[in-house]
N, C-alpha and C. Protein backbone atom coordinates (compact mmCIF):
# COMPACT_ATOMS: atom_id res chain seq x y z
N MET A 1 55.34 33.35 68.16
CA MET A 1 55.70 34.60 67.50
C MET A 1 54.91 35.76 68.11
N ILE A 2 55.60 36.87 68.34
CA ILE A 2 54.94 38.08 68.81
C ILE A 2 54.55 38.89 67.58
N ASN A 3 53.29 39.25 67.50
CA ASN A 3 52.80 40.04 66.38
C ASN A 3 53.12 41.51 66.64
N LEU A 4 54.16 42.00 65.96
CA LEU A 4 54.57 43.39 66.19
C LEU A 4 53.53 44.37 65.68
N SER A 5 52.77 43.97 64.66
CA SER A 5 51.70 44.84 64.17
C SER A 5 50.68 45.09 65.26
N GLU A 6 50.38 44.03 66.04
CA GLU A 6 49.44 44.16 67.15
C GLU A 6 50.06 44.96 68.30
N LYS A 7 51.32 44.68 68.59
CA LYS A 7 52.02 45.38 69.69
C LYS A 7 52.05 46.88 69.47
N PHE A 8 52.28 47.28 68.22
CA PHE A 8 52.42 48.70 67.91
C PHE A 8 51.20 49.27 67.16
N LYS A 9 50.03 48.67 67.39
CA LYS A 9 48.85 49.10 66.62
C LYS A 9 48.46 50.55 66.92
N SER A 10 48.84 51.04 68.09
CA SER A 10 48.53 52.44 68.42
C SER A 10 49.66 53.39 68.02
N HIS A 11 50.68 52.85 67.39
CA HIS A 11 51.82 53.65 66.95
C HIS A 11 51.87 53.73 65.43
N ARG A 12 52.54 54.77 64.97
CA ARG A 12 52.89 54.87 63.55
C ARG A 12 54.40 54.62 63.48
N ILE A 13 54.79 53.54 62.81
CA ILE A 13 56.21 53.22 62.69
C ILE A 13 56.76 53.94 61.46
N LEU A 14 57.85 54.64 61.66
CA LEU A 14 58.49 55.41 60.60
C LEU A 14 59.90 54.90 60.37
N LEU A 15 60.25 54.65 59.12
CA LEU A 15 61.61 54.29 58.75
C LEU A 15 62.29 55.56 58.23
N GLY A 16 63.27 56.03 58.99
CA GLY A 16 63.98 57.25 58.60
C GLY A 16 65.12 56.94 57.67
N SER A 17 64.78 56.51 56.46
CA SER A 17 65.80 56.12 55.48
C SER A 17 65.22 56.17 54.08
N ALA A 18 66.03 56.61 53.14
CA ALA A 18 65.62 56.60 51.73
C ALA A 18 66.09 55.33 51.02
N SER A 19 66.76 54.44 51.75
CA SER A 19 67.33 53.23 51.16
C SER A 19 66.25 52.25 50.71
N PRO A 20 66.21 51.91 49.44
CA PRO A 20 65.23 50.91 48.99
C PRO A 20 65.49 49.54 49.61
N ARG A 21 66.74 49.26 49.95
CA ARG A 21 67.06 47.97 50.56
C ARG A 21 66.50 47.88 51.98
N ARG A 22 66.65 48.95 52.76
CA ARG A 22 66.08 48.95 54.12
C ARG A 22 64.56 48.89 54.07
N LYS A 23 63.98 49.58 53.11
CA LYS A 23 62.53 49.56 52.96
C LYS A 23 62.04 48.13 52.69
N GLN A 24 62.73 47.42 51.80
CA GLN A 24 62.35 46.04 51.49
C GLN A 24 62.53 45.13 52.69
N LEU A 25 63.64 45.30 53.41
CA LEU A 25 63.89 44.45 54.58
C LEU A 25 62.82 44.65 55.65
N LEU A 26 62.47 45.90 55.92
CA LEU A 26 61.44 46.16 56.93
C LEU A 26 60.08 45.64 56.47
N THR A 27 59.82 45.72 55.18
CA THR A 27 58.60 45.12 54.61
C THR A 27 58.58 43.61 54.88
N ASP A 28 59.75 42.97 54.77
CA ASP A 28 59.85 41.53 55.00
C ASP A 28 59.52 41.15 56.44
N LEU A 29 59.69 42.09 57.38
CA LEU A 29 59.33 41.82 58.78
C LEU A 29 57.82 41.84 59.00
N GLU A 30 57.07 42.27 57.96
CA GLU A 30 55.60 42.33 58.01
C GLU A 30 55.09 43.25 59.11
N ILE A 31 55.74 44.42 59.20
CA ILE A 31 55.30 45.48 60.10
C ILE A 31 54.84 46.64 59.22
N PRO A 32 53.63 47.14 59.41
CA PRO A 32 53.22 48.32 58.64
C PRO A 32 54.09 49.52 59.03
N PHE A 33 54.58 50.24 58.04
CA PHE A 33 55.42 51.40 58.34
C PHE A 33 55.31 52.40 57.20
N GLU A 34 55.77 53.60 57.47
CA GLU A 34 55.88 54.65 56.46
C GLU A 34 57.33 55.09 56.40
N VAL A 35 57.73 55.59 55.25
CA VAL A 35 59.08 56.11 55.09
C VAL A 35 59.07 57.60 55.40
N LEU A 36 59.99 58.01 56.25
CA LEU A 36 60.17 59.41 56.58
C LEU A 36 61.53 59.84 56.04
N GLN A 37 61.50 60.71 55.04
CA GLN A 37 62.75 61.15 54.42
C GLN A 37 63.13 62.54 54.93
N PHE A 38 64.38 62.66 55.31
CA PHE A 38 64.96 63.94 55.72
C PHE A 38 66.45 63.84 55.46
N SER A 39 67.10 64.96 55.37
CA SER A 39 68.52 64.93 55.03
C SER A 39 69.38 65.19 56.26
N VAL A 40 70.49 64.46 56.32
CA VAL A 40 71.47 64.59 57.40
C VAL A 40 72.85 64.53 56.77
N GLU A 41 73.73 65.40 57.21
CA GLU A 41 75.12 65.32 56.74
C GLU A 41 75.80 64.19 57.51
N GLU A 42 76.18 63.14 56.78
CA GLU A 42 76.72 61.95 57.42
C GLU A 42 78.22 62.10 57.69
N SER A 43 78.56 62.95 58.65
CA SER A 43 79.96 63.10 59.05
C SER A 43 80.07 62.74 60.52
N TYR A 44 81.25 62.35 60.94
CA TYR A 44 81.46 61.88 62.30
C TYR A 44 82.85 62.27 62.77
N PRO A 45 83.06 62.35 64.07
CA PRO A 45 84.38 62.70 64.59
C PRO A 45 85.45 61.70 64.14
N ALA A 46 86.61 62.21 63.80
CA ALA A 46 87.69 61.38 63.24
C ALA A 46 88.21 60.33 64.22
N ASN A 47 88.00 60.54 65.52
CA ASN A 47 88.53 59.59 66.51
C ASN A 47 87.66 58.35 66.68
N LEU A 48 86.46 58.34 66.09
CA LEU A 48 85.57 57.18 66.23
C LEU A 48 86.04 56.02 65.36
N LYS A 49 85.85 54.81 65.86
CA LYS A 49 86.25 53.59 65.15
C LYS A 49 85.09 52.59 65.15
N ARG A 50 85.10 51.72 64.17
CA ARG A 50 84.21 50.56 64.06
C ARG A 50 82.76 50.89 64.41
N GLU A 51 82.20 50.16 65.43
CA GLU A 51 80.78 50.32 65.73
C GLU A 51 80.43 51.71 66.24
N SER A 52 81.40 52.42 66.79
CA SER A 52 81.13 53.78 67.28
C SER A 52 80.71 54.70 66.14
N VAL A 53 81.26 54.47 64.95
CA VAL A 53 80.89 55.27 63.78
C VAL A 53 79.44 54.99 63.39
N ALA A 54 79.09 53.71 63.28
CA ALA A 54 77.73 53.32 62.86
C ALA A 54 76.69 53.79 63.88
N LEU A 55 77.00 53.64 65.17
CA LEU A 55 76.06 54.08 66.22
C LEU A 55 75.91 55.60 66.22
N TYR A 56 77.01 56.30 66.03
CA TYR A 56 76.97 57.76 66.00
C TYR A 56 76.07 58.24 64.86
N LEU A 57 76.26 57.66 63.66
CA LEU A 57 75.49 58.09 62.50
C LEU A 57 74.01 57.73 62.63
N ALA A 58 73.72 56.55 63.17
CA ALA A 58 72.31 56.16 63.39
C ALA A 58 71.65 57.11 64.38
N SER A 59 72.37 57.48 65.43
CA SER A 59 71.83 58.41 66.44
C SER A 59 71.70 59.83 65.88
N LEU A 60 72.63 60.20 65.02
CA LEU A 60 72.56 61.52 64.36
C LEU A 60 71.29 61.61 63.51
N LYS A 61 70.99 60.54 62.79
CA LYS A 61 69.77 60.50 61.98
C LYS A 61 68.53 60.51 62.87
N ALA A 62 68.59 59.80 64.00
CA ALA A 62 67.45 59.78 64.92
C ALA A 62 67.19 61.17 65.48
N ALA A 63 68.25 61.88 65.84
CA ALA A 63 68.10 63.23 66.39
C ALA A 63 67.46 64.17 65.37
N ALA A 64 67.88 64.03 64.10
CA ALA A 64 67.30 64.86 63.04
C ALA A 64 65.84 64.48 62.79
N GLY A 65 65.55 63.19 62.82
CA GLY A 65 64.20 62.71 62.56
C GLY A 65 63.21 63.05 63.66
N LYS A 66 63.70 63.24 64.88
CA LYS A 66 62.81 63.56 66.01
C LYS A 66 62.06 64.87 65.79
N ASN A 67 62.60 65.73 64.93
CA ASN A 67 61.91 66.99 64.62
C ASN A 67 60.60 66.77 63.87
N PHE A 68 60.41 65.55 63.33
CA PHE A 68 59.25 65.27 62.48
C PHE A 68 58.27 64.29 63.12
N ILE A 69 58.58 63.78 64.31
CA ILE A 69 57.71 62.75 64.87
C ILE A 69 56.75 63.32 65.91
N GLN A 70 55.65 62.57 66.11
CA GLN A 70 54.62 62.97 67.07
C GLN A 70 54.53 61.94 68.18
N ASP A 71 53.58 62.15 69.10
CA ASP A 71 53.51 61.34 70.31
C ASP A 71 53.40 59.84 70.06
N ASN A 72 52.67 59.45 69.04
CA ASN A 72 52.45 58.02 68.83
C ASN A 72 53.38 57.43 67.76
N ASP A 73 54.43 58.15 67.41
CA ASP A 73 55.34 57.68 66.37
C ASP A 73 56.53 56.93 66.96
N LEU A 74 56.99 55.94 66.20
CA LEU A 74 58.19 55.19 66.55
C LEU A 74 59.12 55.27 65.34
N LEU A 75 60.29 55.85 65.53
CA LEU A 75 61.22 56.11 64.43
C LEU A 75 62.37 55.11 64.46
N ILE A 76 62.64 54.51 63.31
CA ILE A 76 63.78 53.60 63.15
C ILE A 76 64.77 54.25 62.19
N THR A 77 66.02 54.43 62.64
CA THR A 77 67.07 54.94 61.76
C THR A 77 68.26 53.98 61.82
N ALA A 78 69.06 53.98 60.77
CA ALA A 78 70.19 53.06 60.72
C ALA A 78 71.29 53.61 59.84
N ASP A 79 72.49 53.12 60.08
CA ASP A 79 73.61 53.44 59.19
C ASP A 79 74.53 52.23 59.13
N THR A 80 74.93 51.88 57.92
CA THR A 80 75.80 50.73 57.70
C THR A 80 77.15 51.19 57.19
N ILE A 81 78.21 50.69 57.83
CA ILE A 81 79.56 51.01 57.38
C ILE A 81 80.31 49.73 57.04
N VAL A 82 81.34 49.89 56.22
CA VAL A 82 82.27 48.80 55.94
C VAL A 82 83.58 49.16 56.63
N TRP A 83 84.05 48.27 57.49
CA TRP A 83 85.27 48.50 58.25
C TRP A 83 86.35 47.53 57.78
N LEU A 84 87.39 48.10 57.19
CA LEU A 84 88.57 47.33 56.81
C LEU A 84 89.71 47.95 57.60
N ASP A 85 90.07 47.28 58.68
CA ASP A 85 91.00 47.83 59.66
C ASP A 85 92.19 48.51 58.97
N PRO A 86 92.48 49.77 59.27
CA PRO A 86 91.97 50.55 60.40
C PRO A 86 91.02 51.67 59.99
N GLU A 87 90.21 51.49 58.94
CA GLU A 87 89.38 52.62 58.51
C GLU A 87 88.03 52.19 57.94
N VAL A 88 87.17 53.20 57.83
CA VAL A 88 85.84 53.02 57.23
C VAL A 88 85.95 53.20 55.73
N LEU A 89 85.32 52.29 54.98
CA LEU A 89 85.18 52.47 53.53
C LEU A 89 83.77 53.02 53.29
N ASN A 90 83.69 54.28 52.96
CA ASN A 90 82.41 54.95 52.77
C ASN A 90 81.84 54.66 51.38
N LYS A 91 80.81 55.40 51.00
CA LYS A 91 80.27 55.30 49.64
C LYS A 91 81.29 55.94 48.69
N PRO A 92 81.57 55.30 47.57
CA PRO A 92 82.57 55.85 46.65
C PRO A 92 82.05 57.07 45.90
N ALA A 93 82.95 57.98 45.65
CA ALA A 93 82.58 59.21 44.93
C ALA A 93 82.41 58.97 43.44
N ASP A 94 83.15 58.00 42.91
CA ASP A 94 83.13 57.74 41.46
C ASP A 94 83.63 56.32 41.18
N ALA A 95 83.69 55.97 39.90
CA ALA A 95 84.08 54.62 39.51
C ALA A 95 85.52 54.29 39.92
N ALA A 96 86.40 55.27 39.84
CA ALA A 96 87.80 55.04 40.19
C ALA A 96 87.93 54.70 41.67
N GLU A 97 87.19 55.41 42.51
CA GLU A 97 87.25 55.12 43.95
C GLU A 97 86.59 53.79 44.26
N ALA A 98 85.50 53.47 43.56
CA ALA A 98 84.84 52.17 43.75
C ALA A 98 85.81 51.04 43.40
N LYS A 99 86.55 51.21 42.34
CA LYS A 99 87.52 50.18 41.92
C LYS A 99 88.61 50.01 42.96
N ARG A 100 89.11 51.12 43.49
CA ARG A 100 90.14 51.04 44.53
C ARG A 100 89.62 50.30 45.76
N MET A 101 88.38 50.59 46.14
CA MET A 101 87.81 49.92 47.31
C MET A 101 87.67 48.42 47.09
N LEU A 102 87.14 48.04 45.94
CA LEU A 102 86.94 46.61 45.67
C LEU A 102 88.27 45.87 45.57
N TYR A 103 89.30 46.53 45.06
CA TYR A 103 90.65 45.93 45.07
C TYR A 103 91.11 45.70 46.50
N ARG A 104 90.81 46.66 47.38
CA ARG A 104 91.23 46.52 48.77
C ARG A 104 90.49 45.39 49.47
N LEU A 105 89.20 45.20 49.13
CA LEU A 105 88.40 44.14 49.74
C LEU A 105 88.74 42.76 49.17
N SER A 106 89.25 42.72 47.95
CA SER A 106 89.53 41.47 47.24
C SER A 106 90.49 40.58 48.05
N GLY A 107 90.06 39.32 48.26
CA GLY A 107 90.90 38.35 48.94
C GLY A 107 91.02 38.56 50.44
N LYS A 108 90.19 39.43 51.01
CA LYS A 108 90.30 39.74 52.44
C LYS A 108 88.95 39.60 53.14
N THR A 109 89.03 39.60 54.47
CA THR A 109 87.84 39.62 55.32
C THR A 109 87.68 41.02 55.89
N HIS A 110 86.47 41.56 55.79
CA HIS A 110 86.18 42.86 56.39
C HIS A 110 84.93 42.74 57.25
N GLU A 111 84.60 43.80 57.95
CA GLU A 111 83.41 43.80 58.80
C GLU A 111 82.38 44.78 58.24
N VAL A 112 81.13 44.35 58.24
CA VAL A 112 80.02 45.24 57.93
C VAL A 112 79.29 45.48 59.25
N ILE A 113 79.17 46.74 59.62
CA ILE A 113 78.60 47.11 60.91
C ILE A 113 77.42 48.05 60.68
N THR A 114 76.27 47.67 61.21
CA THR A 114 75.09 48.53 61.13
C THR A 114 74.72 48.99 62.53
N GLY A 115 74.61 50.29 62.69
CA GLY A 115 74.08 50.87 63.91
C GLY A 115 72.61 51.18 63.69
N VAL A 116 71.77 50.88 64.67
CA VAL A 116 70.33 51.11 64.56
C VAL A 116 69.86 51.87 65.80
N SER A 117 68.99 52.84 65.56
CA SER A 117 68.39 53.59 66.66
C SER A 117 66.87 53.49 66.54
N ILE A 118 66.21 53.20 67.65
CA ILE A 118 64.74 53.19 67.73
C ILE A 118 64.36 54.27 68.74
N SER A 119 63.48 55.17 68.35
CA SER A 119 63.15 56.26 69.26
C SER A 119 61.70 56.70 69.11
N ASP A 120 61.17 57.22 70.22
CA ASP A 120 59.91 57.94 70.20
C ASP A 120 60.16 59.30 70.83
N VAL A 121 59.14 60.04 71.15
CA VAL A 121 59.37 61.40 71.67
C VAL A 121 59.98 61.39 73.08
N LYS A 122 59.89 60.27 73.79
CA LYS A 122 60.37 60.23 75.17
C LYS A 122 61.70 59.52 75.35
N LYS A 123 61.96 58.49 74.56
CA LYS A 123 63.16 57.70 74.80
C LYS A 123 63.72 57.16 73.49
N SER A 124 64.94 56.61 73.60
CA SER A 124 65.55 55.99 72.42
C SER A 124 66.42 54.81 72.87
N SER A 125 66.64 53.90 71.95
CA SER A 125 67.46 52.72 72.20
C SER A 125 68.31 52.48 70.96
N SER A 126 69.57 52.16 71.17
CA SER A 126 70.47 51.92 70.04
C SER A 126 71.19 50.59 70.22
N PHE A 127 71.51 49.96 69.11
CA PHE A 127 72.30 48.74 69.12
C PHE A 127 73.04 48.64 67.80
N TYR A 128 73.95 47.68 67.72
CA TYR A 128 74.67 47.48 66.45
C TYR A 128 74.84 45.98 66.21
N ALA A 129 75.08 45.65 64.95
CA ALA A 129 75.35 44.27 64.55
C ALA A 129 76.60 44.26 63.68
N VAL A 130 77.40 43.21 63.81
CA VAL A 130 78.64 43.07 63.05
C VAL A 130 78.60 41.75 62.27
N THR A 131 78.91 41.81 61.00
CA THR A 131 79.02 40.61 60.16
C THR A 131 80.37 40.62 59.48
N GLU A 132 81.09 39.51 59.55
CA GLU A 132 82.36 39.38 58.83
C GLU A 132 82.07 38.86 57.43
N VAL A 133 82.66 39.51 56.44
CA VAL A 133 82.45 39.14 55.04
C VAL A 133 83.81 38.88 54.41
N THR A 134 83.95 37.73 53.76
CA THR A 134 85.22 37.37 53.11
C THR A 134 85.02 37.30 51.60
N PHE A 135 85.80 38.13 50.89
CA PHE A 135 85.80 38.10 49.43
C PHE A 135 86.88 37.16 48.92
N LYS A 136 86.59 36.45 47.84
CA LYS A 136 87.65 35.75 47.11
C LYS A 136 88.46 36.80 46.37
N SER A 137 89.55 36.39 45.79
CA SER A 137 90.34 37.33 44.97
C SER A 137 89.56 37.65 43.70
N LEU A 138 89.33 38.93 43.46
CA LEU A 138 88.53 39.36 42.32
C LEU A 138 89.44 39.73 41.15
N LEU A 139 89.01 39.40 39.95
CA LEU A 139 89.74 39.79 38.75
C LEU A 139 89.39 41.22 38.37
N GLU A 140 90.32 41.91 37.72
CA GLU A 140 90.08 43.29 37.33
C GLU A 140 88.85 43.41 36.44
N GLU A 141 88.67 42.46 35.51
CA GLU A 141 87.51 42.54 34.61
C GLU A 141 86.19 42.31 35.35
N GLU A 142 86.23 41.51 36.43
CA GLU A 142 85.02 41.32 37.25
C GLU A 142 84.65 42.62 37.96
N ILE A 143 85.65 43.27 38.52
CA ILE A 143 85.42 44.55 39.21
C ILE A 143 84.91 45.59 38.23
N ASP A 144 85.56 45.71 37.08
CA ASP A 144 85.16 46.72 36.09
C ASP A 144 83.74 46.49 35.59
N TRP A 145 83.40 45.22 35.32
CA TRP A 145 82.06 44.91 34.80
C TRP A 145 81.00 45.24 35.84
N TYR A 146 81.27 44.84 37.09
CA TYR A 146 80.32 45.11 38.17
C TYR A 146 80.07 46.61 38.33
N ILE A 147 81.13 47.38 38.36
CA ILE A 147 80.98 48.83 38.54
C ILE A 147 80.22 49.46 37.38
N SER A 148 80.54 49.03 36.15
CA SER A 148 79.88 49.64 34.98
C SER A 148 78.40 49.27 34.91
N LYS A 149 78.05 48.06 35.33
CA LYS A 149 76.65 47.63 35.24
C LYS A 149 75.83 48.06 36.45
N TYR A 150 76.37 47.94 37.66
CA TYR A 150 75.58 48.14 38.88
C TYR A 150 75.77 49.52 39.52
N LYS A 151 76.84 50.24 39.13
CA LYS A 151 77.08 51.60 39.64
C LYS A 151 76.84 51.68 41.16
N PRO A 152 77.70 51.05 41.95
CA PRO A 152 77.46 50.93 43.40
C PRO A 152 77.88 52.16 44.20
N PHE A 153 77.53 53.33 43.70
CA PHE A 153 78.00 54.57 44.31
C PHE A 153 77.19 54.98 45.53
N ASP A 154 76.07 54.28 45.79
CA ASP A 154 75.27 54.57 46.98
C ASP A 154 75.47 53.52 48.06
N LYS A 155 76.55 52.73 47.93
CA LYS A 155 76.77 51.61 48.84
C LYS A 155 78.12 51.74 49.54
N ALA A 156 78.10 51.60 50.86
CA ALA A 156 79.34 51.58 51.63
C ALA A 156 80.22 50.44 51.13
N GLY A 157 81.49 50.73 50.94
CA GLY A 157 82.41 49.70 50.47
C GLY A 157 82.30 49.37 48.99
N SER A 158 81.40 50.04 48.29
CA SER A 158 81.24 49.91 46.83
C SER A 158 80.64 48.58 46.37
N TYR A 159 79.87 47.93 47.24
CA TYR A 159 79.23 46.70 46.77
C TYR A 159 77.93 46.44 47.50
N GLY A 160 77.05 45.69 46.84
CA GLY A 160 75.84 45.17 47.46
C GLY A 160 75.92 43.65 47.47
N ILE A 161 75.81 43.05 48.64
CA ILE A 161 75.95 41.59 48.75
C ILE A 161 74.88 40.86 47.95
N GLN A 162 73.72 41.52 47.76
CA GLN A 162 72.61 40.89 47.05
C GLN A 162 72.77 40.99 45.53
N GLU A 163 73.80 41.70 45.09
CA GLU A 163 74.04 41.90 43.65
C GLU A 163 75.05 40.88 43.12
N TRP A 164 75.34 40.98 41.85
CA TRP A 164 76.20 40.02 41.15
C TRP A 164 77.54 39.81 41.84
N ILE A 165 78.16 40.89 42.29
CA ILE A 165 79.49 40.78 42.90
C ILE A 165 79.43 39.94 44.18
N GLY A 166 78.32 40.05 44.91
CA GLY A 166 78.15 39.23 46.10
C GLY A 166 77.94 37.77 45.76
N GLN A 167 77.23 37.52 44.68
CA GLN A 167 76.94 36.14 44.29
C GLN A 167 78.18 35.41 43.78
N ILE A 168 79.05 36.12 43.08
CA ILE A 168 80.23 35.45 42.53
C ILE A 168 81.50 35.68 43.35
N GLY A 169 81.49 36.70 44.21
CA GLY A 169 82.74 37.10 44.84
C GLY A 169 82.88 36.83 46.32
N ILE A 170 81.77 36.56 47.01
CA ILE A 170 81.87 36.40 48.45
C ILE A 170 81.99 34.91 48.79
N GLU A 171 83.08 34.58 49.46
CA GLU A 171 83.35 33.19 49.85
C GLU A 171 82.53 32.78 51.06
N LYS A 172 82.44 33.66 52.06
CA LYS A 172 81.69 33.30 53.25
C LYS A 172 81.34 34.55 54.04
N ILE A 173 80.28 34.41 54.86
CA ILE A 173 79.95 35.47 55.81
C ILE A 173 79.78 34.82 57.18
N ASN A 174 80.11 35.57 58.20
CA ASN A 174 79.95 35.12 59.57
C ASN A 174 79.09 36.16 60.29
N GLY A 175 77.80 35.85 60.44
CA GLY A 175 76.87 36.80 61.04
C GLY A 175 75.64 36.97 60.18
N SER A 176 74.92 38.05 60.42
CA SER A 176 73.64 38.30 59.77
C SER A 176 73.80 38.75 58.32
N TYR A 177 73.13 38.04 57.41
CA TYR A 177 73.12 38.44 56.00
C TYR A 177 72.38 39.76 55.83
N THR A 178 71.22 39.90 56.50
CA THR A 178 70.43 41.13 56.31
C THR A 178 71.17 42.35 56.84
N ASN A 179 72.06 42.14 57.81
CA ASN A 179 72.90 43.23 58.29
C ASN A 179 73.75 43.79 57.16
N VAL A 180 74.29 42.91 56.33
CA VAL A 180 75.14 43.35 55.22
C VAL A 180 74.31 44.09 54.17
N VAL A 181 73.06 43.68 54.00
CA VAL A 181 72.17 44.37 53.07
C VAL A 181 71.81 45.76 53.61
N GLY A 182 71.73 45.90 54.95
CA GLY A 182 71.49 47.23 55.50
C GLY A 182 70.67 47.32 56.77
N LEU A 183 70.11 46.18 57.23
CA LEU A 183 69.30 46.22 58.46
C LEU A 183 69.32 44.83 59.10
N PRO A 184 69.88 44.69 60.30
CA PRO A 184 69.94 43.36 60.94
C PRO A 184 68.57 42.98 61.50
N LEU A 185 67.78 42.27 60.72
CA LEU A 185 66.37 42.05 61.05
C LEU A 185 66.16 41.26 62.34
N SER A 186 66.95 40.24 62.58
CA SER A 186 66.77 39.45 63.79
C SER A 186 66.96 40.31 65.03
N ASP A 187 68.02 41.11 65.05
CA ASP A 187 68.29 42.01 66.18
C ASP A 187 67.23 43.10 66.28
N LEU A 188 66.79 43.61 65.14
CA LEU A 188 65.75 44.66 65.16
C LEU A 188 64.45 44.12 65.72
N TYR A 189 64.07 42.91 65.31
CA TYR A 189 62.85 42.28 65.81
C TYR A 189 62.92 42.12 67.33
N ALA A 190 64.07 41.66 67.82
CA ALA A 190 64.24 41.47 69.26
C ALA A 190 64.18 42.80 70.00
N GLU A 191 64.78 43.83 69.43
CA GLU A 191 64.80 45.14 70.08
C GLU A 191 63.40 45.77 70.08
N LEU A 192 62.65 45.59 69.01
CA LEU A 192 61.29 46.11 68.96
C LEU A 192 60.40 45.42 69.99
N LYS A 193 60.61 44.12 70.23
CA LYS A 193 59.84 43.41 71.24
C LYS A 193 60.10 44.00 72.63
N ARG A 194 61.36 44.43 72.86
CA ARG A 194 61.72 44.97 74.17
C ARG A 194 61.32 46.43 74.35
N PHE A 195 61.22 47.17 73.26
CA PHE A 195 61.09 48.63 73.35
C PHE A 195 59.79 49.04 74.02
């Protein structure tokens, strides 16, 4: 095992995200880090598809975060999208939109794509991870109960795999579980070793 804490002991690692899920995942990697919060309008050109959307948004966040970093800082930014061909399912605006999204995901396989950017003041590196997620057919009362209790309005596609709906509704995943939560840890670890 490569000790990333030792590798980056002269650096300050910053997570450019307010997501409690990403914060927990990065904590699980046992790398000391600080959270750097800043706001970015998460919009992207309409012609972008699939991983291009996630990479664009991760890079957009990295560009905004670079205004706050210093010479010895290493900034990690990420964006996770849900892709149900041919479109992105963003964070729902309200319960009605969340319900429509979960109905669309019910009984189907979709892709969860996370774009990640690692940058310092001199250079940056980006990558993405894709996980296929298959939902069983969901009942209306299951969808309604989940939305009323968990209020998934801060989650792409209107669900969190680590929550009740993921436990009872997901038949299988093909790829990284942590990617679906919000940060593909295996790929991030490998990229940090190379950076």
